[in-house]
Amino acid sequence: MHIFVDDIDATIRRFVRVPFTDASTLAEIGLDSLTTLRVVAALVPDGDREIDLAELADLKTLGQFRAWVAGQVTR
């Protein structure tokens, strides 16, 4: 499966109501740890996939988060 930035952004927009860019920090746009997991669950089709929460917690910007999500889908 190939995921595009537009797919990620569309899913994020379900949870975030403010404008964002790659440089936006997750905190400033309101993506807390629970919400990031909801976004990941919506985008990663394998429900049995183990998510490395330490990796996820290290992500600070939306650009980092997008890249991480895309990597999860292609694994």
N, C-alpha and C. Protein backbone atom coordinates (compact mmCIF):
# COMPACT_ATOMS: atom_id res chain seq x y z
N MET A 1 0.85 -1.18 0.00
CA MET A 1 0.00 0.00 0.00
C MET A 1 0.89 1.24 0.00
N HIS A 2 0.50 2.22 -0.77
CA HIS A 2 1.24 3.47 -0.84
C HIS A 2 0.36 4.56 -0.26
N ILE A 3 0.93 5.32 0.65
CA ILE A 3 0.16 6.39 1.28
C ILE A 3 0.73 7.74 0.85
N PHE A 4 -0.13 8.67 0.63
CA PHE A 4 0.27 9.99 0.17
C PHE A 4 0.07 11.00 1.29
N VAL A 5 0.80 12.11 1.19
CA VAL A 5 0.68 13.18 2.17
C VAL A 5 -0.77 13.65 2.25
N ASP A 6 -1.46 13.71 1.13
CA ASP A 6 -2.87 14.14 1.14
C ASP A 6 -3.74 13.22 1.99
N ASP A 7 -3.46 11.90 1.95
CA ASP A 7 -4.21 10.95 2.77
C ASP A 7 -3.95 11.21 4.25
N ILE A 8 -2.70 11.45 4.59
CA ILE A 8 -2.34 11.73 5.98
C ILE A 8 -3.00 13.03 6.43
N ASP A 9 -2.88 14.06 5.60
CA ASP A 9 -3.46 15.36 5.95
C ASP A 9 -4.98 15.28 6.11
N ALA A 10 -5.64 14.55 5.24
CA ALA A 10 -7.10 14.42 5.33
C ALA A 10 -7.49 13.77 6.65
N THR A 11 -6.72 12.79 7.07
CA THR A 11 -7.01 12.12 8.34
C THR A 11 -6.72 13.06 9.51
N ILE A 12 -5.61 13.78 9.45
CA ILE A 12 -5.27 14.73 10.51
C ILE A 12 -6.36 15.79 10.64
N ARG A 13 -6.89 16.25 9.52
CA ARG A 13 -7.93 17.29 9.55
C ARG A 13 -9.20 16.83 10.27
N ARG A 14 -9.37 15.53 10.39
CA ARG A 14 -10.52 15.03 11.17
C ARG A 14 -10.37 15.35 12.65
N PHE A 15 -9.12 15.57 13.09
CA PHE A 15 -8.84 15.79 14.50
C PHE A 15 -8.32 17.19 14.82
N VAL A 16 -7.82 17.90 13.82
CA VAL A 16 -7.18 19.20 14.03
C VAL A 16 -7.98 20.27 13.30
N ARG A 17 -8.23 21.37 13.96
CA ARG A 17 -9.04 22.43 13.37
C ARG A 17 -8.25 23.71 13.07
N VAL A 18 -6.94 23.64 13.16
CA VAL A 18 -6.11 24.82 12.88
C VAL A 18 -5.23 24.53 11.66
N PRO A 19 -4.79 25.59 10.96
CA PRO A 19 -3.90 25.38 9.81
C PRO A 19 -2.58 24.76 10.27
N PHE A 20 -1.96 23.98 9.40
CA PHE A 20 -0.67 23.37 9.75
C PHE A 20 0.21 23.21 8.53
N THR A 21 1.52 23.10 8.79
CA THR A 21 2.53 22.87 7.76
C THR A 21 3.46 21.78 8.27
N ASP A 22 4.42 21.38 7.44
CA ASP A 22 5.42 20.40 7.88
C ASP A 22 6.17 20.86 9.13
N ALA A 23 6.38 22.16 9.25
CA ALA A 23 7.15 22.70 10.38
C ALA A 23 6.32 22.85 11.66
N SER A 24 5.01 22.69 11.57
CA SER A 24 4.16 22.82 12.76
C SER A 24 4.53 21.74 13.77
N THR A 25 4.61 22.14 15.02
CA THR A 25 4.84 21.12 16.04
C THR A 25 3.51 20.43 16.33
N LEU A 26 3.60 19.18 16.72
CA LEU A 26 2.39 18.43 17.02
C LEU A 26 1.62 19.09 18.15
N ALA A 27 2.35 19.61 19.14
CA ALA A 27 1.70 20.25 20.28
C ALA A 27 0.94 21.50 19.87
N GLU A 28 1.52 22.32 18.99
CA GLU A 28 0.86 23.58 18.64
C GLU A 28 -0.40 23.38 17.81
N ILE A 29 -0.50 22.26 17.12
CA ILE A 29 -1.74 22.02 16.36
C ILE A 29 -2.71 21.11 17.11
N GLY A 30 -2.31 20.70 18.31
CA GLY A 30 -3.22 19.93 19.17
C GLY A 30 -3.19 18.43 18.98
N LEU A 31 -2.13 17.91 18.37
CA LEU A 31 -2.01 16.45 18.23
C LEU A 31 -1.30 15.89 19.46
N ASP A 32 -2.06 15.46 20.44
CA ASP A 32 -1.48 14.84 21.62
C ASP A 32 -1.25 13.36 21.36
N SER A 33 -0.75 12.65 22.33
CA SER A 33 -0.38 11.24 22.12
C SER A 33 -1.60 10.38 21.75
N LEU A 34 -2.73 10.61 22.36
CA LEU A 34 -3.92 9.81 22.05
C LEU A 34 -4.41 10.10 20.62
N THR A 35 -4.38 11.36 20.25
CA THR A 35 -4.84 11.72 18.91
C THR A 35 -3.89 11.18 17.84
N THR A 36 -2.58 11.21 18.10
CA THR A 36 -1.65 10.65 17.12
C THR A 36 -1.92 9.16 16.94
N LEU A 37 -2.24 8.46 18.01
CA LEU A 37 -2.57 7.04 17.88
C LEU A 37 -3.85 6.84 17.07
N ARG A 38 -4.81 7.71 17.22
CA ARG A 38 -6.04 7.62 16.43
C ARG A 38 -5.75 7.83 14.95
N VAL A 39 -4.88 8.80 14.65
CA VAL A 39 -4.50 9.03 13.25
C VAL A 39 -3.80 7.80 12.69
N VAL A 40 -2.86 7.25 13.46
CA VAL A 40 -2.12 6.06 13.01
C VAL A 40 -3.09 4.91 12.79
N ALA A 41 -4.01 4.69 13.71
CA ALA A 41 -4.97 3.59 13.58
C ALA A 41 -5.83 3.75 12.33
N ALA A 42 -6.15 4.98 11.98
CA ALA A 42 -6.96 5.22 10.79
C ALA A 42 -6.18 4.99 9.50
N LEU A 43 -4.86 5.14 9.55
CA LEU A 43 -4.05 5.07 8.33
C LEU A 43 -3.29 3.76 8.15
N VAL A 44 -2.96 3.10 9.23
CA VAL A 44 -2.19 1.86 9.14
C VAL A 44 -3.17 0.69 9.11
N PRO A 45 -3.24 0.01 7.98
CA PRO A 45 -4.29 -1.01 7.81
C PRO A 45 -4.12 -2.27 8.66
N ASP A 46 -2.92 -2.57 9.10
CA ASP A 46 -2.66 -3.79 9.85
C ASP A 46 -2.91 -3.54 11.34
N GLY A 47 -4.06 -3.93 11.82
CA GLY A 47 -4.43 -3.73 13.21
C GLY A 47 -3.58 -4.50 14.19
N ASP A 48 -2.86 -5.51 13.71
CA ASP A 48 -2.00 -6.30 14.58
C ASP A 48 -0.58 -5.75 14.66
N ARG A 49 -0.29 -4.72 13.88
CA ARG A 49 1.06 -4.14 13.87
C ARG A 49 1.36 -3.51 15.22
N GLU A 50 2.53 -3.80 15.75
CA GLU A 50 2.96 -3.20 17.00
C GLU A 50 3.54 -1.82 16.72
N ILE A 51 3.07 -0.84 17.45
CA ILE A 51 3.54 0.54 17.28
C ILE A 51 4.57 0.82 18.36
N ASP A 52 5.74 1.32 17.95
CA ASP A 52 6.78 1.69 18.89
C ASP A 52 6.43 3.06 19.47
N LEU A 53 5.89 3.06 20.68
CA LEU A 53 5.44 4.30 21.28
C LEU A 53 6.58 5.26 21.57
N ALA A 54 7.78 4.74 21.83
CA ALA A 54 8.94 5.61 22.06
C ALA A 54 9.28 6.37 20.78
N GLU A 55 9.23 5.69 19.65
CA GLU A 55 9.46 6.36 18.36
C GLU A 55 8.42 7.45 18.14
N LEU A 56 7.19 7.12 18.39
CA LEU A 56 6.10 8.06 18.19
C LEU A 56 6.25 9.27 19.12
N ALA A 57 6.66 9.04 20.35
CA ALA A 57 6.82 10.13 21.32
C ALA A 57 7.97 11.06 20.94
N ASP A 58 8.95 10.56 20.19
CA ASP A 58 10.10 11.38 19.79
C ASP A 58 9.78 12.34 18.65
N LEU A 59 8.66 12.16 17.99
CA LEU A 59 8.30 13.01 16.86
C LEU A 59 7.81 14.36 17.37
N LYS A 60 8.36 15.42 16.81
CA LYS A 60 8.00 16.77 17.29
C LYS A 60 7.24 17.58 16.25
N THR A 61 7.52 17.38 14.97
CA THR A 61 6.86 18.19 13.94
C THR A 61 5.92 17.33 13.10
N LEU A 62 5.04 18.00 12.41
CA LEU A 62 4.11 17.30 11.54
C LEU A 62 4.86 16.61 10.40
N GLY A 63 5.92 17.23 9.90
CA GLY A 63 6.72 16.61 8.84
C GLY A 63 7.32 15.29 9.31
N GLN A 64 7.83 15.26 10.54
CA GLN A 64 8.37 14.02 11.10
C GLN A 64 7.28 12.97 11.25
N PHE A 65 6.12 13.41 11.71
CA PHE A 65 5.00 12.50 11.91
C PHE A 65 4.53 11.91 10.58
N ARG A 66 4.40 12.75 9.56
CA ARG A 66 4.00 12.26 8.24
C ARG A 66 4.97 11.19 7.73
N ALA A 67 6.26 11.47 7.83
CA ALA A 67 7.28 10.52 7.36
C ALA A 67 7.20 9.22 8.15
N TRP A 68 6.99 9.32 9.44
CA TRP A 68 6.91 8.12 10.28
C TRP A 68 5.68 7.28 9.90
N VAL A 69 4.54 7.94 9.72
CA VAL A 69 3.32 7.22 9.33
C VAL A 69 3.51 6.53 7.99
N ALA A 70 4.08 7.24 7.02
CA ALA A 70 4.32 6.66 5.70
C ALA A 70 5.23 5.43 5.82
N GLY A 71 6.22 5.50 6.70
CA GLY A 71 7.11 4.36 6.92
C GLY A 71 6.38 3.16 7.54
N GLN A 72 5.41 3.42 8.38
CA GLN A 72 4.64 2.34 8.99
C GLN A 72 3.81 1.61 7.97
N VAL A 73 3.29 2.33 7.02
CA VAL A 73 2.44 1.73 5.99
C VAL A 73 3.25 0.87 5.04
N THR A 74 4.49 1.28 4.75
CA THR A 74 5.29 0.57 3.78
C THR A 74 6.07 -0.60 4.37
N ARG A 75 6.00 -0.79 5.68
CA ARG A 75 6.73 -1.92 6.30
C ARG A 75 6.10 -3.24 5.95
